[in-house]
């Protein structure tokens, strides 16, 4: 099992051998995260296993990688808006004329 945190250009990673039934919180404690990053709360931005958010009491399975997430560097919705605006400037798409509704 692994506990890791990643930043641009840097990785903190610890390999652990823990008994069956170990929780995520116990794995974080055993990894030495609190000593390596004093004052930082690993749960502030979330903790997950292979990209899926988990709770402290969730039980780990053999081979799991506990990931400590960092804050987003951009707002995903703002990024989507920018891409859509950029696509709109690149390829203007003519919309077909709407046909009027038939009267009843």
C-alpha atoms as a PDB file:
ATOM      1  CA  UNK A   1       0.000   0.000   0.000  1.00  0.00           C
ATOM      2  CA  UNK A   2       1.069   3.597  -0.634  1.00  0.00           C
ATOM      3  CA  UNK A   3       0.277   7.023   0.775  1.00  0.00           C
ATOM      4  CA  UNK A   4       1.161   9.904  -1.526  1.00  0.00           C
ATOM      5  CA  UNK A   5       0.742  13.583  -2.243  1.00  0.00           C
ATOM      6  CA  UNK A   6       1.763  15.219  -5.513  1.00  0.00           C
ATOM      7  CA  UNK A   7       2.644  18.805  -6.437  1.00  0.00           C
ATOM      8  CA  UNK A   8       3.931  20.122  -9.745  1.00  0.00           C
ATOM      9  CA  UNK A   9       7.465  18.761  -9.997  1.00  0.00           C
ATOM     10  CA  UNK A  10       7.453  17.039  -6.594  1.00  0.00           C
ATOM     11  CA  UNK A  11       6.073  13.823  -5.079  1.00  0.00           C
ATOM     12  CA  UNK A  12       5.851  12.689  -1.458  1.00  0.00           C
ATOM     13  CA  UNK A  13       5.263   8.946  -1.273  1.00  0.00           C
ATOM     14  CA  UNK A  14       5.510   6.299   1.445  1.00  0.00           C
ATOM     15  CA  UNK A  15       5.118   2.549   0.992  1.00  0.00           C
ATOM     16  CA  UNK A  16       3.553   0.742   3.935  1.00  0.00           C
ATOM     17  CA  UNK A  17       2.760  -2.807   4.977  1.00  0.00           C
ATOM     18  CA  UNK A  18      -0.290  -2.692   7.233  1.00  0.00           C
ATOM     19  CA  UNK A  19      -2.570  -5.383   8.660  1.00  0.00           C
ATOM     20  CA  UNK A  20      -5.933  -6.202   7.099  1.00  0.00           C
ATOM     21  CA  UNK A  21      -8.765  -3.985   8.292  1.00  0.00           C
ATOM     22  CA  UNK A  22      -6.657  -0.821   8.488  1.00  0.00           C
ATOM     23  CA  UNK A  23      -8.620   2.397   7.986  1.00  0.00           C
ATOM     24  CA  UNK A  24      -7.567   5.356   5.853  1.00  0.00           C
ATOM     25  CA  UNK A  25      -6.964   7.460   8.987  1.00  0.00           C
ATOM     26  CA  UNK A  26      -4.713   4.751  10.458  1.00  0.00           C
ATOM     27  CA  UNK A  27      -2.730   4.572   7.207  1.00  0.00           C
ATOM     28  CA  UNK A  28      -2.235   8.339   7.214  1.00  0.00           C
ATOM     29  CA  UNK A  29      -1.021   8.194  10.811  1.00  0.00           C
ATOM     30  CA  UNK A  30       1.363   5.315  10.041  1.00  0.00           C
ATOM     31  CA  UNK A  31       2.757   7.119   6.988  1.00  0.00           C
ATOM     32  CA  UNK A  32       4.253   9.954   9.039  1.00  0.00           C
ATOM     33  CA  UNK A  33       2.353  12.631   7.128  1.00  0.00           C
ATOM     34  CA  UNK A  34       1.738  14.692  10.288  1.00  0.00           C
ATOM     35  CA  UNK A  35       5.479  14.800  11.009  1.00  0.00           C
ATOM     36  CA  UNK A  36       6.495  15.493   7.410  1.00  0.00           C
ATOM     37  CA  UNK A  37       3.940  18.282   6.955  1.00  0.00           C
ATOM     38  CA  UNK A  38       3.359  19.719  10.421  1.00  0.00           C
ATOM     39  CA  UNK A  39       0.295  21.922  10.620  1.00  0.00           C
ATOM     40  CA  UNK A  40      -1.274  20.699   7.369  1.00  0.00           C
ATOM     41  CA  UNK A  41      -4.605  18.896   7.472  1.00  0.00           C
ATOM     42  CA  UNK A  42      -4.638  16.094   4.863  1.00  0.00           C
ATOM     43  CA  UNK A  43      -8.466  16.169   4.849  1.00  0.00           C
ATOM     44  CA  UNK A  44      -8.680  19.889   3.967  1.00  0.00           C
ATOM     45  CA  UNK A  45      -8.839  19.286   0.201  1.00  0.00           C
ATOM     46  CA  UNK A  46      -9.801  15.649   0.349  1.00  0.00           C
ATOM     47  CA  UNK A  47      -8.303  12.196   0.501  1.00  0.00           C
ATOM     48  CA  UNK A  48      -9.025   9.419  -1.955  1.00  0.00           C
ATOM     49  CA  UNK A  49      -8.070   6.041  -3.316  1.00  0.00           C
ATOM     50  CA  UNK A  50      -7.295   6.012  -7.037  1.00  0.00           C
ATOM     51  CA  UNK A  51      -9.261   9.229  -7.617  1.00  0.00           C
ATOM     52  CA  UNK A  52     -12.323   8.328  -5.548  1.00  0.00           C
ATOM     53  CA  UNK A  53     -12.959  10.314  -2.366  1.00  0.00           C
ATOM     54  CA  UNK A  54     -12.946   8.314   0.867  1.00  0.00           C
ATOM     55  CA  UNK A  55     -13.744   8.901   4.538  1.00  0.00           C
ATOM     56  CA  UNK A  56     -11.350   8.428   7.452  1.00  0.00           C
ATOM     57  CA  UNK A  57     -13.100   5.264   8.625  1.00  0.00           C
ATOM     58  CA  UNK A  58     -13.108   3.506   5.224  1.00  0.00           C
ATOM     59  CA  UNK A  59     -11.170   0.219   5.278  1.00  0.00           C
ATOM     60  CA  UNK A  60      -8.260  -0.253   2.888  1.00  0.00           C
ATOM     61  CA  UNK A  61      -7.677  -3.230   0.642  1.00  0.00           C
ATOM     62  CA  UNK A  62      -4.406  -4.742  -0.481  1.00  0.00           C
ATOM     63  CA  UNK A  63      -2.711  -2.601  -3.116  1.00  0.00           C
ATOM     64  CA  UNK A  64      -4.662   0.628  -2.452  1.00  0.00           C
ATOM     65  CA  UNK A  65      -2.965   3.973  -2.990  1.00  0.00           C
ATOM     66  CA  UNK A  66      -4.155   6.658  -0.573  1.00  0.00           C
ATOM     67  CA  UNK A  67      -3.940  10.036  -2.316  1.00  0.00           C
ATOM     68  CA  UNK A  68      -3.882  13.334  -0.438  1.00  0.00           C
ATOM     69  CA  UNK A  69      -5.339  15.973  -2.722  1.00  0.00           C
ATOM     70  CA  UNK A  70      -4.120  19.547  -3.124  1.00  0.00           C
ATOM     71  CA  UNK A  71      -6.202  22.630  -3.883  1.00  0.00           C
ATOM     72  CA  UNK A  72      -7.303  23.249  -7.445  1.00  0.00           C
ATOM     73  CA  UNK A  73      -5.184  25.755  -9.350  1.00  0.00           C
ATOM     74  CA  UNK A  74      -8.182  26.870 -11.417  1.00  0.00           C
ATOM     75  CA  UNK A  75     -11.956  26.740 -11.318  1.00  0.00           C
ATOM     76  CA  UNK A  76     -13.139  23.892 -13.600  1.00  0.00           C
ATOM     77  CA  UNK A  77     -16.296  25.787 -14.617  1.00  0.00           C
ATOM     78  CA  UNK A  78     -14.284  28.853 -15.601  1.00  0.00           C
ATOM     79  CA  UNK A  79     -11.960  26.656 -17.642  1.00  0.00           C
ATOM     80  CA  UNK A  80     -14.937  25.147 -19.506  1.00  0.00           C
ATOM     81  CA  UNK A  81     -16.325  28.628 -20.220  1.00  0.00           C
ATOM     82  CA  UNK A  82     -12.983  29.743 -21.629  1.00  0.00           C
ATOM     83  CA  UNK A  83     -12.703  26.673 -23.868  1.00  0.00           C
ATOM     84  CA  UNK A  84     -16.254  27.166 -25.139  1.00  0.00           C
ATOM     85  CA  UNK A  85     -15.595  30.847 -25.863  1.00  0.00           C
ATOM     86  CA  UNK A  86     -12.356  29.952 -27.635  1.00  0.00           C
ATOM     87  CA  UNK A  87     -14.095  27.339 -29.784  1.00  0.00           C
ATOM     88  CA  UNK A  88     -16.794  29.858 -30.596  1.00  0.00           C
ATOM     89  CA  UNK A  89     -14.232  32.364 -31.870  1.00  0.00           C
ATOM     90  CA  UNK A  90     -12.385  29.743 -33.895  1.00  0.00           C
ATOM     91  CA  UNK A  91     -15.294  28.081 -35.663  1.00  0.00           C
ATOM     92  CA  UNK A  92     -18.481  30.076 -35.737  1.00  0.00           C
ATOM     93  CA  UNK A  93     -21.302  27.663 -36.335  1.00  0.00           C
ATOM     94  CA  UNK A  94     -24.353  28.933 -38.149  1.00  0.00           C
ATOM     95  CA  UNK A  95     -27.447  27.722 -36.400  1.00  0.00           C
ATOM     96  CA  UNK A  96     -30.315  26.599 -38.599  1.00  0.00           C
ATOM     97  CA  UNK A  97     -33.386  28.806 -38.669  1.00  0.00           C
ATOM     98  CA  UNK A  98     -36.124  27.653 -36.363  1.00  0.00           C
ATOM     99  CA  UNK A  99     -39.359  26.757 -38.055  1.00  0.00           C
ATOM    100  CA  UNK A 100     -42.402  28.403 -36.579  1.00  0.00           C
ATOM    101  CA  UNK A 101     -44.764  26.230 -34.615  1.00  0.00           C
ATOM    102  CA  UNK A 102     -47.809  25.075 -36.501  1.00  0.00           C
ATOM    103  CA  UNK A 103     -51.101  26.554 -35.423  1.00  0.00           C
ATOM    104  CA  UNK A 104     -53.710  24.187 -34.117  1.00  0.00           C
END
